[in-house]
C-alpha atoms as a PDB file:
ATOM      1  CA  UNK A   1     -28.119  11.420 -95.721  1.00  0.00           C
ATOM      2  CA  UNK A   2     -27.550   7.704 -96.241  1.00  0.00           C
ATOM      3  CA  UNK A   3     -25.462   8.324 -99.378  1.00  0.00           C
ATOM      4  CA  UNK A   4     -23.190  10.773 -97.563  1.00  0.00           C
ATOM      5  CA  UNK A   5     -22.832   8.386 -94.612  1.00  0.00           C
ATOM      6  CA  UNK A   6     -21.915   5.586 -97.018  1.00  0.00           C
ATOM      7  CA  UNK A   7     -19.096   7.769 -98.375  1.00  0.00           C
ATOM      8  CA  UNK A   8     -17.976   8.624 -94.847  1.00  0.00           C
ATOM      9  CA  UNK A   9     -17.949   5.008 -93.643  1.00  0.00           C
ATOM     10  CA  UNK A  10     -16.205   3.662 -96.749  1.00  0.00           C
ATOM     11  CA  UNK A  11     -12.847   4.845 -95.366  1.00  0.00           C
ATOM     12  CA  UNK A  12     -11.901   4.430 -91.671  1.00  0.00           C
ATOM     13  CA  UNK A  13      -9.731   7.571 -91.811  1.00  0.00           C
ATOM     14  CA  UNK A  14     -12.701   9.647 -93.000  1.00  0.00           C
ATOM     15  CA  UNK A  15     -15.003   7.995 -90.482  1.00  0.00           C
ATOM     16  CA  UNK A  16     -12.523   8.918 -87.741  1.00  0.00           C
ATOM     17  CA  UNK A  17     -12.816  12.575 -88.814  1.00  0.00           C
ATOM     18  CA  UNK A  18     -16.619  12.235 -88.848  1.00  0.00           C
ATOM     19  CA  UNK A  19     -16.658  10.765 -85.342  1.00  0.00           C
ATOM     20  CA  UNK A  20     -14.502  13.631 -84.122  1.00  0.00           C
ATOM     21  CA  UNK A  21     -16.953  16.081 -85.705  1.00  0.00           C
ATOM     22  CA  UNK A  22     -19.912  14.337 -84.051  1.00  0.00           C
ATOM     23  CA  UNK A  23     -18.013  14.470 -80.755  1.00  0.00           C
ATOM     24  CA  UNK A  24     -17.576  18.210 -81.243  1.00  0.00           C
ATOM     25  CA  UNK A  25     -21.318  18.664 -81.842  1.00  0.00           C
ATOM     26  CA  UNK A  26     -22.140  16.685 -78.694  1.00  0.00           C
ATOM     27  CA  UNK A  27     -19.598  18.773 -76.774  1.00  0.00           C
ATOM     28  CA  UNK A  28     -21.156  22.014 -78.026  1.00  0.00           C
ATOM     29  CA  UNK A  29     -24.497  20.717 -76.775  1.00  0.00           C
ATOM     30  CA  UNK A  30     -23.065  19.853 -73.362  1.00  0.00           C
ATOM     31  CA  UNK A  31     -21.305  23.224 -73.147  1.00  0.00           C
ATOM     32  CA  UNK A  32     -24.493  25.094 -74.006  1.00  0.00           C
ATOM     33  CA  UNK A  33     -26.339  23.236 -71.260  1.00  0.00           C
ATOM     34  CA  UNK A  34     -23.601  24.154 -68.776  1.00  0.00           C
ATOM     35  CA  UNK A  35     -23.523  27.808 -69.866  1.00  0.00           C
ATOM     36  CA  UNK A  36     -27.266  28.335 -69.782  1.00  0.00           C
ATOM     37  CA  UNK A  37     -29.596  26.124 -67.762  1.00  0.00           C
ATOM     38  CA  UNK A  38     -26.849  24.710 -65.552  1.00  0.00           C
ATOM     39  CA  UNK A  39     -25.394  28.027 -64.356  1.00  0.00           C
ATOM     40  CA  UNK A  40     -26.884  27.221 -60.983  1.00  0.00           C
ATOM     41  CA  UNK A  41     -27.479  23.784 -59.513  1.00  0.00           C
ATOM     42  CA  UNK A  42     -30.012  22.350 -62.004  1.00  0.00           C
ATOM     43  CA  UNK A  43     -32.739  19.738 -61.642  1.00  0.00           C
ATOM     44  CA  UNK A  44     -32.036  16.025 -62.110  1.00  0.00           C
ATOM     45  CA  UNK A  45     -33.339  15.980 -65.711  1.00  0.00           C
ATOM     46  CA  UNK A  46     -30.929  18.724 -66.792  1.00  0.00           C
ATOM     47  CA  UNK A  47     -28.015  17.064 -64.970  1.00  0.00           C
ATOM     48  CA  UNK A  48     -28.820  13.744 -66.633  1.00  0.00           C
ATOM     49  CA  UNK A  49     -29.003  15.393 -70.039  1.00  0.00           C
ATOM     50  CA  UNK A  50     -25.692  17.190 -69.455  1.00  0.00           C
ATOM     51  CA  UNK A  51     -24.063  13.929 -68.339  1.00  0.00           C
ATOM     52  CA  UNK A  52     -25.386  12.110 -71.428  1.00  0.00           C
ATOM     53  CA  UNK A  53     -24.145  14.767 -73.858  1.00  0.00           C
ATOM     54  CA  UNK A  54     -20.739  14.850 -72.167  1.00  0.00           C
ATOM     55  CA  UNK A  55     -20.486  11.047 -72.327  1.00  0.00           C
ATOM     56  CA  UNK A  56     -21.454  11.080 -76.010  1.00  0.00           C
ATOM     57  CA  UNK A  57     -18.760  13.663 -76.760  1.00  0.00           C
ATOM     58  CA  UNK A  58     -16.238  11.506 -74.898  1.00  0.00           C
ATOM     59  CA  UNK A  59     -17.164   8.199 -76.500  1.00  0.00           C
ATOM     60  CA  UNK A  60     -17.251   9.570 -80.057  1.00  0.00           C
ATOM     61  CA  UNK A  61     -13.858  11.219 -79.488  1.00  0.00           C
ATOM     62  CA  UNK A  62     -12.493   7.937 -78.143  1.00  0.00           C
ATOM     63  CA  UNK A  63     -13.844   6.006 -81.157  1.00  0.00           C
ATOM     64  CA  UNK A  64     -12.335   8.632 -83.444  1.00  0.00           C
ATOM     65  CA  UNK A  65      -8.946   8.188 -81.818  1.00  0.00           C
ATOM     66  CA  UNK A  66      -9.220   4.403 -82.170  1.00  0.00           C
ATOM     67  CA  UNK A  67     -10.133   4.540 -85.867  1.00  0.00           C
ATOM     68  CA  UNK A  68      -7.455   7.110 -86.672  1.00  0.00           C
ATOM     69  CA  UNK A  69      -4.867   5.162 -84.675  1.00  0.00           C
ATOM     70  CA  UNK A  70      -3.977   8.430 -82.966  1.00  0.00           C
ATOM     71  CA  UNK A  71      -4.132   9.000 -79.206  1.00  0.00           C
ATOM     72  CA  UNK A  72      -5.714  12.439 -79.757  1.00  0.00           C
ATOM     73  CA  UNK A  73      -7.244  12.780 -83.203  1.00  0.00           C
ATOM     74  CA  UNK A  74      -7.433  16.472 -84.166  1.00  0.00           C
ATOM     75  CA  UNK A  75      -8.883  15.993 -87.655  1.00  0.00           C
ATOM     76  CA  UNK A  76     -12.492  16.892 -88.416  1.00  0.00           C
ATOM     77  CA  UNK A  77     -14.891  16.596 -91.312  1.00  0.00           C
ATOM     78  CA  UNK A  78     -16.093  20.136 -92.131  1.00  0.00           C
ATOM     79  CA  UNK A  79     -15.513  21.427 -88.607  1.00  0.00           C
ATOM     80  CA  UNK A  80     -16.537  25.028 -89.351  1.00  0.00           C
ATOM     81  CA  UNK A  81     -19.758  23.887 -91.036  1.00  0.00           C
ATOM     82  CA  UNK A  82     -20.612  21.704 -88.036  1.00  0.00           C
ATOM     83  CA  UNK A  83     -20.099  24.578 -85.589  1.00  0.00           C
ATOM     84  CA  UNK A  84     -22.069  26.930 -87.836  1.00  0.00           C
ATOM     85  CA  UNK A  85     -24.973  24.444 -87.968  1.00  0.00           C
ATOM     86  CA  UNK A  86     -25.288  24.292 -84.186  1.00  0.00           C
ATOM     87  CA  UNK A  87     -24.637  27.980 -83.477  1.00  0.00           C
ATOM     88  CA  UNK A  88     -26.971  29.187 -86.243  1.00  0.00           C
ATOM     89  CA  UNK A  89     -29.712  26.899 -84.992  1.00  0.00           C
ATOM     90  CA  UNK A  90     -29.300  28.119 -81.419  1.00  0.00           C
ATOM     91  CA  UNK A  91     -29.371  31.788 -82.483  1.00  0.00           C
ATOM     92  CA  UNK A  92     -32.257  31.216 -84.882  1.00  0.00           C
ATOM     93  CA  UNK A  93     -34.358  29.586 -82.187  1.00  0.00           C
ATOM     94  CA  UNK A  94     -33.592  32.394 -79.719  1.00  0.00           C
ATOM     95  CA  UNK A  95     -34.831  34.874 -82.327  1.00  0.00           C
ATOM     96  CA  UNK A  96     -37.952  32.798 -83.039  1.00  0.00           C
ATOM     97  CA  UNK A  97     -38.794  32.559 -79.330  1.00  0.00           C
ATOM     98  CA  UNK A  98     -38.387  36.320 -78.941  1.00  0.00           C
ATOM     99  CA  UNK A  99     -40.851  36.803 -81.810  1.00  0.00           C
ATOM    100  CA  UNK A 100     -43.282  34.555 -79.902  1.00  0.00           C
ATOM    101  CA  UNK A 101     -43.070  36.829 -76.853  1.00  0.00           C
ATOM    102  CA  UNK A 102     -40.517  34.982 -74.727  1.00  0.00           C
ATOM    103  CA  UNK A 103     -37.979  37.132 -72.913  1.00  0.00           C
ATOM    104  CA  UNK A 104     -34.391  36.670 -74.153  1.00  0.00           C
ATOM    105  CA  UNK A 105     -33.133  36.665 -70.537  1.00  0.00           C
ATOM    106  CA  UNK A 106     -34.977  33.404 -69.886  1.00  0.00           C
ATOM    107  CA  UNK A 107     -32.735  30.857 -71.576  1.00  0.00           C
ATOM    108  CA  UNK A 108     -34.764  27.782 -70.578  1.00  0.00           C
ATOM    109  CA  UNK A 109     -37.228  27.949 -73.523  1.00  0.00           C
ATOM    110  CA  UNK A 110     -34.300  28.148 -75.961  1.00  0.00           C
ATOM    111  CA  UNK A 111     -32.640  25.201 -74.236  1.00  0.00           C
ATOM    112  CA  UNK A 112     -35.825  23.148 -74.655  1.00  0.00           C
ATOM    113  CA  UNK A 113     -36.461  24.186 -78.262  1.00  0.00           C
ATOM    114  CA  UNK A 114     -32.901  23.798 -79.536  1.00  0.00           C
ATOM    115  CA  UNK A 115     -32.534  20.493 -77.688  1.00  0.00           C
ATOM    116  CA  UNK A 116     -35.793  19.202 -79.134  1.00  0.00           C
ATOM    117  CA  UNK A 117     -34.639  20.014 -82.673  1.00  0.00           C
ATOM    118  CA  UNK A 118     -31.144  18.585 -82.174  1.00  0.00           C
ATOM    119  CA  UNK A 119     -32.516  15.390 -80.617  1.00  0.00           C
ATOM    120  CA  UNK A 120     -35.035  15.066 -83.460  1.00  0.00           C
ATOM    121  CA  UNK A 121     -32.142  15.282 -85.940  1.00  0.00           C
ATOM    122  CA  UNK A 122     -30.058  12.811 -83.938  1.00  0.00           C
ATOM    123  CA  UNK A 123     -32.928  10.320 -84.078  1.00  0.00           C
ATOM    124  CA  UNK A 124     -32.878  10.643 -87.879  1.00  0.00           C
ATOM    125  CA  UNK A 125     -29.095  10.520 -88.218  1.00  0.00           C
ATOM    126  CA  UNK A 126     -27.837   8.035 -85.634  1.00  0.00           C
ATOM    127  CA  UNK A 127     -29.974   5.012 -86.666  1.00  0.00           C
ATOM    128  CA  UNK A 128     -28.906   5.463 -90.311  1.00  0.00           C
ATOM    129  CA  UNK A 129     -25.282   5.835 -89.245  1.00  0.00           C
ATOM    130  CA  UNK A 130     -25.561   2.728 -87.039  1.00  0.00           C
ATOM    131  CA  UNK A 131     -26.875   0.723 -90.004  1.00  0.00           C
ATOM    132  CA  UNK A 132     -24.221   2.092 -92.381  1.00  0.00           C
ATOM    133  CA  UNK A 133     -20.992   1.747 -90.425  1.00  0.00           C
ATOM    134  CA  UNK A 134     -19.009  -1.480 -90.569  1.00  0.00           C
ATOM    135  CA  UNK A 135     -17.259  -0.663 -87.281  1.00  0.00           C
ATOM    136  CA  UNK A 136     -18.663  -2.950 -84.583  1.00  0.00           C
ATOM    137  CA  UNK A 137     -17.591  -0.683 -81.706  1.00  0.00           C
ATOM    138  CA  UNK A 138     -19.279   2.306 -83.343  1.00  0.00           C
ATOM    139  CA  UNK A 139     -22.499   0.344 -83.906  1.00  0.00           C
ATOM    140  CA  UNK A 140     -22.554  -0.834 -80.295  1.00  0.00           C
ATOM    141  CA  UNK A 141     -22.033   2.671 -78.935  1.00  0.00           C
ATOM    142  CA  UNK A 142     -24.680   4.107 -81.241  1.00  0.00           C
ATOM    143  CA  UNK A 143     -27.200   1.635 -79.810  1.00  0.00           C
ATOM    144  CA  UNK A 144     -26.447   3.041 -76.334  1.00  0.00           C
ATOM    145  CA  UNK A 145     -26.481   6.675 -77.508  1.00  0.00           C
ATOM    146  CA  UNK A 146     -29.826   6.194 -79.265  1.00  0.00           C
ATOM    147  CA  UNK A 147     -31.278   4.662 -76.086  1.00  0.00           C
ATOM    148  CA  UNK A 148     -30.055   7.616 -74.001  1.00  0.00           C
ATOM    149  CA  UNK A 149     -31.379  10.182 -76.489  1.00  0.00           C
ATOM    150  CA  UNK A 150     -34.713   8.337 -76.591  1.00  0.00           C
ATOM    151  CA  UNK A 151     -34.836   8.367 -72.786  1.00  0.00           C
ATOM    152  CA  UNK A 152     -34.712  12.130 -72.239  1.00  0.00           C
ATOM    153  CA  UNK A 153     -36.343  13.375 -75.455  1.00  0.00           C
ATOM    154  CA  UNK A 154     -40.017  12.784 -74.463  1.00  0.00           C
ATOM    155  CA  UNK A 155     -39.613  14.837 -71.264  1.00  0.00           C
ATOM    156  CA  UNK A 156     -37.997  17.722 -73.105  1.00  0.00           C
ATOM    157  CA  UNK A 157     -40.654  17.644 -75.841  1.00  0.00           C
ATOM    158  CA  UNK A 158     -43.442  17.613 -73.238  1.00  0.00           C
ATOM    159  CA  UNK A 159     -41.981  20.572 -71.329  1.00  0.00           C
ATOM    160  CA  UNK A 160     -41.532  22.479 -74.590  1.00  0.00           C
ATOM    161  CA  UNK A 161     -45.092  21.752 -75.699  1.00  0.00           C
ATOM    162  CA  UNK A 162     -46.482  22.956 -72.358  1.00  0.00           C
ATOM    163  CA  UNK A 163     -44.364  26.112 -72.406  1.00  0.00           C
ATOM    164  CA  UNK A 164     -45.362  26.990 -75.976  1.00  0.00           C
ATOM    165  CA  UNK A 165     -49.013  26.241 -75.222  1.00  0.00           C
ATOM    166  CA  UNK A 166     -48.946  28.646 -72.248  1.00  0.00           C
ATOM    167  CA  UNK A 167     -47.564  31.319 -74.576  1.00  0.00           C
ATOM    168  CA  UNK A 168     -50.255  30.579 -77.174  1.00  0.00           C
ATOM    169  CA  UNK A 169     -47.757  29.112 -79.628  1.00  0.00           C
ATOM    170  CA  UNK A 170     -47.658  25.526 -80.760  1.00  0.00           C
ATOM    171  CA  UNK A 171     -46.677  25.384 -84.413  1.00  0.00           C
ATOM    172  CA  UNK A 172     -43.008  24.448 -84.792  1.00  0.00           C
ATOM    173  CA  UNK A 173     -43.097  24.098 -88.585  1.00  0.00           C
ATOM    174  CA  UNK A 174     -40.881  27.180 -89.062  1.00  0.00           C
ATOM    175  CA  UNK A 175     -38.387  25.803 -86.544  1.00  0.00           C
ATOM    176  CA  UNK A 176     -38.261  22.396 -88.254  1.00  0.00           C
ATOM    177  CA  UNK A 177     -37.720  24.073 -91.618  1.00  0.00           C
ATOM    178  CA  UNK A 178     -34.897  26.225 -90.241  1.00  0.00           C
ATOM    179  CA  UNK A 179     -33.177  23.203 -88.710  1.00  0.00           C
ATOM    180  CA  UNK A 180     -33.652  21.202 -91.892  1.00  0.00           C
ATOM    181  CA  UNK A 181     -32.121  23.951 -94.035  1.00  0.00           C
ATOM    182  CA  UNK A 182     -29.157  24.363 -91.679  1.00  0.00           C
ATOM    183  CA  UNK A 183     -28.508  20.622 -91.464  1.00  0.00           C
ATOM    184  CA  UNK A 184     -28.776  20.205 -95.247  1.00  0.00           C
ATOM    185  CA  UNK A 185     -26.257  23.025 -95.717  1.00  0.00           C
ATOM    186  CA  UNK A 186     -23.889  21.286 -93.279  1.00  0.00           C
ATOM    187  CA  UNK A 187     -24.287  17.899 -94.991  1.00  0.00           C
ATOM    188  CA  UNK A 188     -23.905  19.346 -98.488  1.00  0.00           C
ATOM    189  CA  UNK A 189     -20.570  20.821 -97.419  1.00  0.00           C
ATOM    190  CA  UNK A 190     -19.520  17.344 -96.275  1.00  0.00           C
ATOM    191  CA  UNK A 191     -20.640  15.927 -99.623  1.00  0.00           C
ATOM    192  CA  UNK A 192     -18.724  18.641-101.489  1.00  0.00           C
ATOM    193  CA  UNK A 193     -15.584  17.770 -99.511  1.00  0.00           C
ATOM    194  CA  UNK A 194     -15.525  14.407-101.299  1.00  0.00           C
ATOM    195  CA  UNK A 195     -15.360  16.180-104.654  1.00  0.00           C
ATOM    196  CA  UNK A 196     -12.323  18.341-103.848  1.00  0.00           C
END
């Protein structure tokens, strides 16, 4: 991951595309929250999470526009692969939960599980990105984003653990492996883009 991020951050134009891609991923997360658990007036935790994800999408898009010197940067780094990563993870976790006996109509368990996996990945990716980028504004924002992700992750993980325990399921190894495989496929497509 660090090697790919070093390639991305070596060129501000490429980093601008990367930031736009990260913004898109954050936006997909915010949209999924709004379409599922926030269909009706949600609890404070869900509203806070939705607000955080929306802010992250905004700030990364704004940083992308600044780095690209374009008021509305429309360039991405492997956009289709990024969308596929998130959508495949979401669908894969819905299938896994169904196999564990959860009803597909109840979207809250999938929200918790997918969020937990995405936040886990963010906590691996964002600190490395923060340490790799030479852009001061990006580093400063990543410090804030990491703090916000760290703030709501324990609550989501606790709720997920309790829900899985009630269902008699607690081993997330398969879920971690699925996420890992999907993320590695996404990142290898980014790496391949440097060779074309």
